[in-house]
Amino acid sequence: MSFSQSLLPEFDHEMANTRKTLERIPDEKFDWKPHQKSFAMGELASHVANLPGWATLTITSDSFDMAPGGKELKNPTASSASDLLATFDKNVAAARESIAQATDEDLLKPWSLLSNGQSVLTMPKIAVLRSFVMNHIIHHRAQLGVYLRLNDIPVPSIYGPSADEEGM
């Protein structure tokens, strides 16, 4: 079994669970944040919606500069829950297609994250998909679960029941 074929079931499972979380984000809470240093709910949810796009970026390029010319790039922030879900769905579909088409040879090539032209890290593309795409999404999805709980919004079941839902 190829790397891409072994990754796709996990990708599909995690993206379905992530979508369940994003579906709970209400428009009226986009500006809410638990602390002044925290992302606002809409910013965090937008980050999660944009992260699957890194899969395609990783597979189709050899590097990404997050601060070209010293100017940090900003992810677009959705203006509504419907925009958020549309962005997520578009990015997931493109990411899934990119993963499905990637060969083992493609996924073993090195990929670098740059900042102002300087390498921050370099690792095989398959490792980037697991860490900077999948694990990164899972991390921020969990943060969104806390945001939901603090706003008395039902938290979806992810790997088992939540206090609000029995099943997965």
N, C-alpha and C. Protein backbone atom coordinates (compact mmCIF):
# COMPACT_ATOMS: atom_id res chain seq x y z
N MET A 1 0.85 -1.18 0.00
CA MET A 1 0.00 0.00 0.00
C MET A 1 0.90 1.24 0.00
N SER A 2 0.54 2.21 -0.81
CA SER A 2 1.31 3.44 -0.90
C SER A 2 1.07 4.32 0.33
N PHE A 3 1.97 5.27 0.52
CA PHE A 3 1.80 6.23 1.61
C PHE A 3 0.46 6.97 1.48
N SER A 4 0.16 7.43 0.28
CA SER A 4 -1.07 8.21 0.10
C SER A 4 -2.31 7.36 0.40
N GLN A 5 -2.31 6.11 -0.05
CA GLN A 5 -3.46 5.26 0.20
C GLN A 5 -3.60 4.92 1.68
N SER A 6 -2.50 4.85 2.40
CA SER A 6 -2.59 4.59 3.84
C SER A 6 -3.00 5.84 4.61
N LEU A 7 -2.72 7.01 4.09
CA LEU A 7 -3.06 8.26 4.76
C LEU A 7 -4.52 8.67 4.53
N LEU A 8 -5.08 8.32 3.39
CA LEU A 8 -6.43 8.81 3.04
C LEU A 8 -7.53 8.42 4.04
N PRO A 9 -7.60 7.19 4.55
CA PRO A 9 -8.66 6.91 5.53
C PRO A 9 -8.57 7.78 6.78
N GLU A 10 -7.36 8.00 7.27
CA GLU A 10 -7.18 8.87 8.42
C GLU A 10 -7.56 10.31 8.07
N PHE A 11 -7.11 10.77 6.92
CA PHE A 11 -7.45 12.12 6.47
C PHE A 11 -8.97 12.30 6.41
N ASP A 12 -9.65 11.35 5.77
CA ASP A 12 -11.12 11.44 5.65
C ASP A 12 -11.79 11.48 7.02
N HIS A 13 -11.33 10.62 7.93
CA HIS A 13 -11.90 10.57 9.28
C HIS A 13 -11.68 11.89 10.03
N GLU A 14 -10.47 12.40 9.98
CA GLU A 14 -10.17 13.63 10.71
C GLU A 14 -10.87 14.85 10.09
N MET A 15 -10.99 14.88 8.79
CA MET A 15 -11.67 16.01 8.15
C MET A 15 -13.17 15.98 8.45
N ALA A 16 -13.76 14.78 8.50
CA ALA A 16 -15.19 14.68 8.86
C ALA A 16 -15.41 15.18 10.29
N ASN A 17 -14.52 14.77 11.20
CA ASN A 17 -14.63 15.24 12.59
C ASN A 17 -14.38 16.74 12.70
N THR A 18 -13.47 17.24 11.91
CA THR A 18 -13.19 18.68 11.93
C THR A 18 -14.39 19.45 11.42
N ARG A 19 -15.02 18.95 10.36
CA ARG A 19 -16.20 19.63 9.83
C ARG A 19 -17.31 19.67 10.88
N LYS A 20 -17.48 18.56 11.64
CA LYS A 20 -18.50 18.55 12.70
C LYS A 20 -18.26 19.67 13.70
N THR A 21 -17.01 19.94 13.99
CA THR A 21 -16.68 21.02 14.92
C THR A 21 -16.95 22.38 14.27
N LEU A 22 -16.50 22.56 13.05
CA LEU A 22 -16.69 23.85 12.37
C LEU A 22 -18.17 24.17 12.17
N GLU A 23 -19.00 23.16 11.99
CA GLU A 23 -20.45 23.38 11.81
C GLU A 23 -21.08 24.03 13.03
N ARG A 24 -20.44 23.94 14.18
CA ARG A 24 -21.00 24.48 15.42
C ARG A 24 -20.67 25.95 15.64
N ILE A 25 -19.78 26.51 14.84
CA ILE A 25 -19.33 27.89 15.08
C ILE A 25 -20.42 28.86 14.62
N PRO A 26 -21.04 29.59 15.55
CA PRO A 26 -22.09 30.54 15.16
C PRO A 26 -21.53 31.89 14.72
N ASP A 27 -22.18 32.48 13.74
CA ASP A 27 -21.75 33.80 13.25
C ASP A 27 -21.59 34.82 14.38
N GLU A 28 -22.51 34.78 15.33
CA GLU A 28 -22.49 35.81 16.38
C GLU A 28 -21.34 35.62 17.39
N LYS A 29 -20.59 34.53 17.29
CA LYS A 29 -19.46 34.30 18.20
C LYS A 29 -18.10 34.43 17.50
N PHE A 30 -18.08 34.90 16.26
CA PHE A 30 -16.82 35.01 15.52
C PHE A 30 -15.81 35.90 16.23
N ASP A 31 -16.26 36.89 16.97
CA ASP A 31 -15.34 37.81 17.65
C ASP A 31 -15.00 37.39 19.08
N TRP A 32 -15.64 36.34 19.58
CA TRP A 32 -15.41 35.92 20.96
C TRP A 32 -14.03 35.29 21.11
N LYS A 33 -13.37 35.61 22.21
CA LYS A 33 -12.09 34.96 22.53
C LYS A 33 -12.02 34.74 24.03
N PRO A 34 -11.38 33.64 24.46
CA PRO A 34 -11.32 33.33 25.88
C PRO A 34 -10.32 34.18 26.66
N HIS A 35 -9.40 34.78 25.95
CA HIS A 35 -8.35 35.58 26.59
C HIS A 35 -7.85 36.58 25.56
N GLN A 36 -7.33 37.70 26.00
CA GLN A 36 -6.87 38.73 25.07
C GLN A 36 -5.74 38.24 24.18
N LYS A 37 -4.96 37.26 24.62
CA LYS A 37 -3.87 36.72 23.80
C LYS A 37 -4.34 35.64 22.82
N SER A 38 -5.57 35.20 22.96
CA SER A 38 -6.10 34.11 22.13
C SER A 38 -6.64 34.62 20.81
N PHE A 39 -6.68 33.71 19.84
CA PHE A 39 -7.40 33.99 18.60
C PHE A 39 -8.87 34.19 18.92
N ALA A 40 -9.53 35.05 18.16
CA ALA A 40 -10.99 35.10 18.21
C ALA A 40 -11.51 33.80 17.58
N MET A 41 -12.71 33.39 17.96
CA MET A 41 -13.26 32.13 17.47
C MET A 41 -13.28 32.07 15.94
N GLY A 42 -13.67 33.14 15.29
CA GLY A 42 -13.72 33.17 13.83
C GLY A 42 -12.34 33.06 13.21
N GLU A 43 -11.34 33.68 13.84
CA GLU A 43 -9.97 33.59 13.34
C GLU A 43 -9.43 32.16 13.47
N LEU A 44 -9.67 31.55 14.63
CA LEU A 44 -9.20 30.19 14.86
C LEU A 44 -9.90 29.21 13.91
N ALA A 45 -11.21 29.37 13.78
CA ALA A 45 -11.96 28.49 12.89
C ALA A 45 -11.53 28.69 11.44
N SER A 46 -11.23 29.91 11.05
CA SER A 46 -10.74 30.18 9.69
C SER A 46 -9.37 29.54 9.47
N HIS A 47 -8.54 29.59 10.47
CA HIS A 47 -7.23 28.93 10.38
C HIS A 47 -7.42 27.43 10.14
N VAL A 48 -8.31 26.83 10.89
CA VAL A 48 -8.60 25.40 10.71
C VAL A 48 -9.15 25.14 9.31
N ALA A 49 -10.01 26.00 8.81
CA ALA A 49 -10.59 25.82 7.48
C ALA A 49 -9.54 25.96 6.38
N ASN A 50 -8.52 26.77 6.62
CA ASN A 50 -7.46 26.98 5.63
C ASN A 50 -6.36 25.92 5.68
N LEU A 51 -6.16 25.29 6.82
CA LEU A 51 -5.05 24.35 6.98
C LEU A 51 -5.06 23.17 5.99
N PRO A 52 -6.18 22.60 5.61
CA PRO A 52 -6.11 21.52 4.62
C PRO A 52 -5.44 21.96 3.31
N GLY A 53 -5.49 23.24 2.99
CA GLY A 53 -4.83 23.75 1.80
C GLY A 53 -3.32 23.56 1.83
N TRP A 54 -2.76 23.40 3.03
CA TRP A 54 -1.33 23.14 3.14
C TRP A 54 -0.96 21.79 2.55
N ALA A 55 -1.89 20.85 2.52
CA ALA A 55 -1.59 19.54 1.93
C ALA A 55 -1.26 19.71 0.45
N THR A 56 -2.09 20.44 -0.25
CA THR A 56 -1.85 20.67 -1.67
C THR A 56 -0.57 21.48 -1.87
N LEU A 57 -0.38 22.50 -1.08
CA LEU A 57 0.83 23.32 -1.15
C LEU A 57 2.08 22.47 -0.93
N THR A 58 2.02 21.60 0.04
CA THR A 58 3.17 20.74 0.36
C THR A 58 3.49 19.78 -0.78
N ILE A 59 2.46 19.17 -1.32
CA ILE A 59 2.67 18.17 -2.37
C ILE A 59 3.12 18.81 -3.68
N THR A 60 2.62 20.01 -3.96
CA THR A 60 2.90 20.62 -5.27
C THR A 60 4.09 21.57 -5.28
N SER A 61 4.72 21.80 -4.12
CA SER A 61 5.88 22.69 -4.08
C SER A 61 6.95 22.08 -3.18
N ASP A 62 8.12 22.65 -3.22
CA ASP A 62 9.22 22.15 -2.39
C ASP A 62 9.47 23.01 -1.16
N SER A 63 8.80 24.16 -1.08
CA SER A 63 8.96 25.02 0.08
C SER A 63 7.82 26.04 0.11
N PHE A 64 7.72 26.69 1.25
CA PHE A 64 6.75 27.78 1.42
C PHE A 64 7.39 28.81 2.34
N ASP A 65 7.36 30.07 1.92
CA ASP A 65 7.90 31.16 2.72
C ASP A 65 6.74 31.87 3.40
N MET A 66 6.69 31.76 4.73
CA MET A 66 5.59 32.36 5.49
C MET A 66 5.79 33.85 5.75
N ALA A 67 6.95 34.36 5.40
CA ALA A 67 7.22 35.79 5.57
C ALA A 67 8.15 36.27 4.45
N PRO A 68 7.67 36.22 3.20
CA PRO A 68 8.54 36.66 2.10
C PRO A 68 8.87 38.15 2.24
N GLY A 69 10.13 38.46 2.03
CA GLY A 69 10.55 39.85 2.17
C GLY A 69 10.39 40.38 3.57
N GLY A 70 10.28 39.48 4.56
CA GLY A 70 10.13 39.90 5.94
C GLY A 70 8.70 40.26 6.34
N LYS A 71 7.75 40.13 5.42
CA LYS A 71 6.36 40.47 5.72
C LYS A 71 5.55 39.19 5.89
N GLU A 72 5.07 38.96 7.12
CA GLU A 72 4.33 37.74 7.44
C GLU A 72 3.01 37.68 6.67
N LEU A 73 2.77 36.53 6.05
CA LEU A 73 1.52 36.32 5.32
C LEU A 73 0.39 36.06 6.31
N LYS A 74 -0.79 36.53 6.00
CA LYS A 74 -1.96 36.33 6.85
C LYS A 74 -2.96 35.44 6.12
N ASN A 75 -3.51 34.49 6.84
CA ASN A 75 -4.58 33.67 6.27
C ASN A 75 -5.85 34.48 6.19
N PRO A 76 -6.64 34.27 5.15
CA PRO A 76 -7.92 34.96 5.09
C PRO A 76 -8.85 34.48 6.20
N THR A 77 -9.63 35.40 6.74
CA THR A 77 -10.59 35.07 7.78
C THR A 77 -11.99 35.09 7.20
N ALA A 78 -12.72 34.01 7.42
CA ALA A 78 -14.10 33.92 6.94
C ALA A 78 -14.95 34.97 7.65
N SER A 79 -15.98 35.43 6.95
CA SER A 79 -16.87 36.43 7.54
C SER A 79 -18.16 35.83 8.07
N SER A 80 -18.38 34.54 7.82
CA SER A 80 -19.59 33.87 8.29
C SER A 80 -19.34 32.37 8.38
N ALA A 81 -20.23 31.70 9.08
CA ALA A 81 -20.12 30.24 9.20
C ALA A 81 -20.25 29.57 7.85
N SER A 82 -21.10 30.09 6.99
CA SER A 82 -21.25 29.47 5.66
C SER A 82 -19.97 29.65 4.83
N ASP A 83 -19.32 30.81 4.92
CA ASP A 83 -18.04 31.02 4.24
C ASP A 83 -16.97 30.09 4.80
N LEU A 84 -16.98 29.92 6.10
CA LEU A 84 -16.03 29.04 6.77
C LEU A 84 -16.14 27.62 6.23
N LEU A 85 -17.35 27.10 6.17
CA LEU A 85 -17.56 25.73 5.69
C LEU A 85 -17.25 25.59 4.20
N ALA A 86 -17.57 26.60 3.43
CA ALA A 86 -17.25 26.56 1.99
C ALA A 86 -15.75 26.52 1.78
N THR A 87 -15.01 27.32 2.54
CA THR A 87 -13.55 27.32 2.45
C THR A 87 -12.99 25.96 2.85
N PHE A 88 -13.47 25.45 3.96
CA PHE A 88 -13.00 24.15 4.44
C PHE A 88 -13.28 23.06 3.41
N ASP A 89 -14.50 22.99 2.91
CA ASP A 89 -14.86 21.94 1.95
C ASP A 89 -14.02 22.03 0.68
N LYS A 90 -13.78 23.23 0.20
CA LYS A 90 -12.96 23.42 -1.00
C LYS A 90 -11.54 22.94 -0.75
N ASN A 91 -10.98 23.33 0.39
CA ASN A 91 -9.61 22.95 0.72
C ASN A 91 -9.47 21.44 0.97
N VAL A 92 -10.45 20.84 1.61
CA VAL A 92 -10.40 19.40 1.87
C VAL A 92 -10.48 18.63 0.55
N ALA A 93 -11.36 19.03 -0.35
CA ALA A 93 -11.48 18.34 -1.64
C ALA A 93 -10.17 18.41 -2.43
N ALA A 94 -9.57 19.59 -2.47
CA ALA A 94 -8.30 19.75 -3.19
C ALA A 94 -7.19 18.97 -2.51
N ALA A 95 -7.15 18.99 -1.20
CA ALA A 95 -6.12 18.26 -0.45
C ALA A 95 -6.26 16.76 -0.68
N ARG A 96 -7.48 16.27 -0.61
CA ARG A 96 -7.70 14.84 -0.81
C ARG A 96 -7.23 14.41 -2.21
N GLU A 97 -7.56 15.19 -3.20
CA GLU A 97 -7.14 14.88 -4.56
C GLU A 97 -5.61 14.89 -4.67
N SER A 98 -4.98 15.88 -4.07
CA SER A 98 -3.51 15.95 -4.10
C SER A 98 -2.87 14.76 -3.42
N ILE A 99 -3.41 14.39 -2.27
CA ILE A 99 -2.87 13.23 -1.55
C ILE A 99 -3.06 11.96 -2.38
N ALA A 100 -4.25 11.79 -2.92
CA ALA A 100 -4.55 10.58 -3.69
C ALA A 100 -3.63 10.43 -4.90
N GLN A 101 -3.23 11.54 -5.50
CA GLN A 101 -2.40 11.50 -6.71
C GLN A 101 -0.90 11.43 -6.40
N ALA A 102 -0.52 11.67 -5.17
CA ALA A 102 0.90 11.71 -4.81
C ALA A 102 1.50 10.31 -4.77
N THR A 103 2.67 10.17 -5.34
CA THR A 103 3.39 8.90 -5.29
C THR A 103 4.26 8.86 -4.04
N ASP A 104 4.72 7.67 -3.70
CA ASP A 104 5.65 7.56 -2.57
C ASP A 104 6.89 8.40 -2.83
N GLU A 105 7.35 8.39 -4.06
CA GLU A 105 8.53 9.19 -4.42
C GLU A 105 8.27 10.68 -4.15
N ASP A 106 7.09 11.15 -4.54
CA ASP A 106 6.72 12.55 -4.27
C ASP A 106 6.75 12.84 -2.77
N LEU A 107 6.17 11.94 -1.99
CA LEU A 107 6.00 12.18 -0.56
C LEU A 107 7.28 12.03 0.24
N LEU A 108 8.29 11.40 -0.34
CA LEU A 108 9.57 11.28 0.35
C LEU A 108 10.53 12.43 0.05
N LYS A 109 10.13 13.30 -0.88
CA LYS A 109 10.97 14.46 -1.20
C LYS A 109 10.96 15.44 -0.03
N PRO A 110 12.06 16.15 0.18
CA PRO A 110 12.08 17.14 1.26
C PRO A 110 11.23 18.37 0.93
N TRP A 111 10.70 18.94 1.96
CA TRP A 111 9.92 20.17 1.87
C TRP A 111 10.42 21.09 2.98
N SER A 112 10.51 22.38 2.69
CA SER A 112 11.03 23.34 3.67
C SER A 112 10.02 24.44 3.96
N LEU A 113 9.92 24.77 5.22
CA LEU A 113 9.19 25.95 5.67
C LEU A 113 10.22 27.05 5.83
N LEU A 114 9.96 28.18 5.18
CA LEU A 114 10.89 29.30 5.20
C LEU A 114 10.25 30.50 5.89
N SER A 115 11.09 31.37 6.39
CA SER A 115 10.65 32.66 6.92
C SER A 115 11.65 33.69 6.42
N ASN A 116 11.18 34.58 5.57
CA ASN A 116 12.05 35.59 4.96
C ASN A 116 13.25 34.95 4.26
N GLY A 117 12.97 33.84 3.56
CA GLY A 117 13.99 33.16 2.80
C GLY A 117 14.88 32.22 3.58
N GLN A 118 14.77 32.22 4.90
CA GLN A 118 15.59 31.35 5.75
C GLN A 118 14.81 30.10 6.14
N SER A 119 15.47 28.96 6.07
CA SER A 119 14.83 27.69 6.40
C SER A 119 14.52 27.61 7.89
N VAL A 120 13.27 27.31 8.21
CA VAL A 120 12.85 27.09 9.58
C VAL A 120 12.93 25.59 9.89
N LEU A 121 12.52 24.79 8.90
CA LEU A 121 12.60 23.35 9.03
C LEU A 121 12.53 22.72 7.65
N THR A 122 13.06 21.52 7.56
CA THR A 122 12.97 20.72 6.35
C THR A 122 12.69 19.29 6.78
N MET A 123 11.70 18.68 6.15
CA MET A 123 11.38 17.28 6.43
C MET A 123 10.69 16.69 5.21
N PRO A 124 10.58 15.36 5.14
CA PRO A 124 9.89 14.76 4.01
C PRO A 124 8.43 15.23 3.94
N LYS A 125 7.92 15.34 2.74
CA LYS A 125 6.55 15.82 2.55
C LYS A 125 5.53 15.00 3.32
N ILE A 126 5.74 13.68 3.41
CA ILE A 126 4.80 12.85 4.16
C ILE A 126 4.78 13.26 5.64
N ALA A 127 5.92 13.64 6.18
CA ALA A 127 5.98 14.09 7.58
C ALA A 127 5.30 15.45 7.73
N VAL A 128 5.41 16.29 6.73
CA VAL A 128 4.72 17.58 6.76
C VAL A 128 3.21 17.36 6.76
N LEU A 129 2.75 16.43 5.94
CA LEU A 129 1.31 16.14 5.89
C LEU A 129 0.80 15.67 7.25
N ARG A 130 1.57 14.83 7.91
CA ARG A 130 1.14 14.32 9.21
C ARG A 130 1.22 15.39 10.30
N SER A 131 2.31 16.17 10.31
CA SER A 131 2.50 17.13 11.41
C SER A 131 1.87 18.48 11.14
N PHE A 132 2.26 19.13 10.08
CA PHE A 132 1.80 20.51 9.84
C PHE A 132 0.42 20.59 9.22
N VAL A 133 -0.08 19.48 8.75
CA VAL A 133 -1.46 19.49 8.24
C VAL A 133 -2.35 18.76 9.25
N MET A 134 -2.23 17.44 9.33
CA MET A 134 -3.15 16.66 10.16
C MET A 134 -3.07 17.02 11.65
N ASN A 135 -1.88 16.89 12.23
CA ASN A 135 -1.77 17.15 13.67
C ASN A 135 -2.09 18.59 14.03
N HIS A 136 -1.73 19.49 13.15
CA HIS A 136 -2.00 20.92 13.36
C HIS A 136 -3.52 21.17 13.39
N ILE A 137 -4.23 20.55 12.45
CA ILE A 137 -5.69 20.67 12.42
C ILE A 137 -6.29 20.09 13.70
N ILE A 138 -5.83 18.90 14.08
CA ILE A 138 -6.37 18.24 15.27
C ILE A 138 -6.13 19.11 16.51
N HIS A 139 -4.96 19.70 16.62
CA HIS A 139 -4.63 20.58 17.75
C HIS A 139 -5.62 21.76 17.83
N HIS A 140 -5.80 22.45 16.71
CA HIS A 140 -6.68 23.62 16.73
C HIS A 140 -8.15 23.23 16.82
N ARG A 141 -8.51 22.06 16.30
CA ARG A 141 -9.89 21.58 16.45
C ARG A 141 -10.20 21.38 17.93
N ALA A 142 -9.23 20.86 18.69
CA ALA A 142 -9.42 20.68 20.13
C ALA A 142 -9.59 22.03 20.82
N GLN A 143 -8.81 23.03 20.40
CA GLN A 143 -9.00 24.36 20.96
C GLN A 143 -10.41 24.86 20.70
N LEU A 144 -10.90 24.63 19.48
CA LEU A 144 -12.27 25.06 19.16
C LEU A 144 -13.29 24.34 20.05
N GLY A 145 -13.01 23.09 20.40
CA GLY A 145 -13.89 22.37 21.31
C GLY A 145 -14.00 23.08 22.66
N VAL A 146 -12.89 23.60 23.14
CA VAL A 146 -12.90 24.36 24.39
C VAL A 146 -13.69 25.65 24.21
N TYR A 147 -13.48 26.33 23.09
CA TYR A 147 -14.23 27.56 22.81
C TYR A 147 -15.73 27.27 22.82
N LEU A 148 -16.12 26.16 22.19
CA LEU A 148 -17.54 25.79 22.17
C LEU A 148 -18.05 25.57 23.58
N ARG A 149 -17.31 24.78 24.38
CA ARG A 149 -17.74 24.48 25.74
C ARG A 149 -17.90 25.76 26.55
N LEU A 150 -16.94 26.68 26.44
CA LEU A 150 -17.00 27.92 27.22
C LEU A 150 -18.17 28.81 26.81
N ASN A 151 -18.75 28.55 25.64
CA ASN A 151 -19.91 29.33 25.17
C ASN A 151 -21.20 28.53 25.23
N ASP A 152 -21.18 27.42 25.95
CA ASP A 152 -22.36 26.56 26.10
C ASP A 152 -22.92 26.09 24.76
N ILE A 153 -22.03 25.86 23.82
CA ILE A 153 -22.40 25.31 22.51
C ILE A 153 -22.04 23.83 22.55
N PRO A 154 -22.96 22.94 22.20
CA PRO A 154 -22.68 21.51 22.29
C PRO A 154 -21.41 21.11 21.53
N VAL A 155 -20.56 20.35 22.21
CA VAL A 155 -19.31 19.86 21.64
C VAL A 155 -19.59 18.52 20.96
N PRO A 156 -19.18 18.39 19.69
CA PRO A 156 -19.46 17.13 19.00
C PRO A 156 -18.59 15.99 19.52
N SER A 157 -19.09 14.77 19.37
CA SER A 157 -18.26 13.61 19.67
C SER A 157 -17.20 13.52 18.57
N ILE A 158 -15.99 13.19 18.94
CA ILE A 158 -14.89 13.09 17.97
C ILE A 158 -14.33 11.67 17.99
N TYR A 159 -13.67 11.27 19.07
CA TYR A 159 -13.11 9.92 19.19
C TYR A 159 -13.94 9.04 20.11
N GLY A 160 -14.97 9.60 20.61
CA GLY A 160 -15.88 8.92 21.52
C GLY A 160 -16.92 9.93 21.94
N PRO A 161 -17.78 9.56 22.86
CA PRO A 161 -18.84 10.48 23.27
C PRO A 161 -18.28 11.76 23.88
N SER A 162 -19.02 12.85 23.69
CA SER A 162 -18.72 14.09 24.41
C SER A 162 -19.78 14.21 25.50
N ALA A 163 -19.69 15.21 26.32
CA ALA A 163 -20.72 15.43 27.33
C ALA A 163 -22.06 15.79 26.70
N ASP A 164 -22.03 16.12 25.40
CA ASP A 164 -23.24 16.55 24.69
C ASP A 164 -23.78 15.53 23.70
N GLU A 165 -22.95 14.60 23.27
CA GLU A 165 -23.36 13.61 22.27
C GLU A 165 -22.89 12.23 22.68
N GLU A 166 -23.75 11.25 22.45
CA GLU A 166 -23.42 9.86 22.79
C GLU A 166 -22.45 9.24 21.82
N GLY A 167 -22.74 9.30 20.53
CA GLY A 167 -21.97 8.52 19.57
C GLY A 167 -20.96 9.33 18.82
N MET A 168 -20.28 8.63 17.95
CA MET A 168 -19.28 9.27 17.10
C MET A 168 -19.92 9.54 15.76
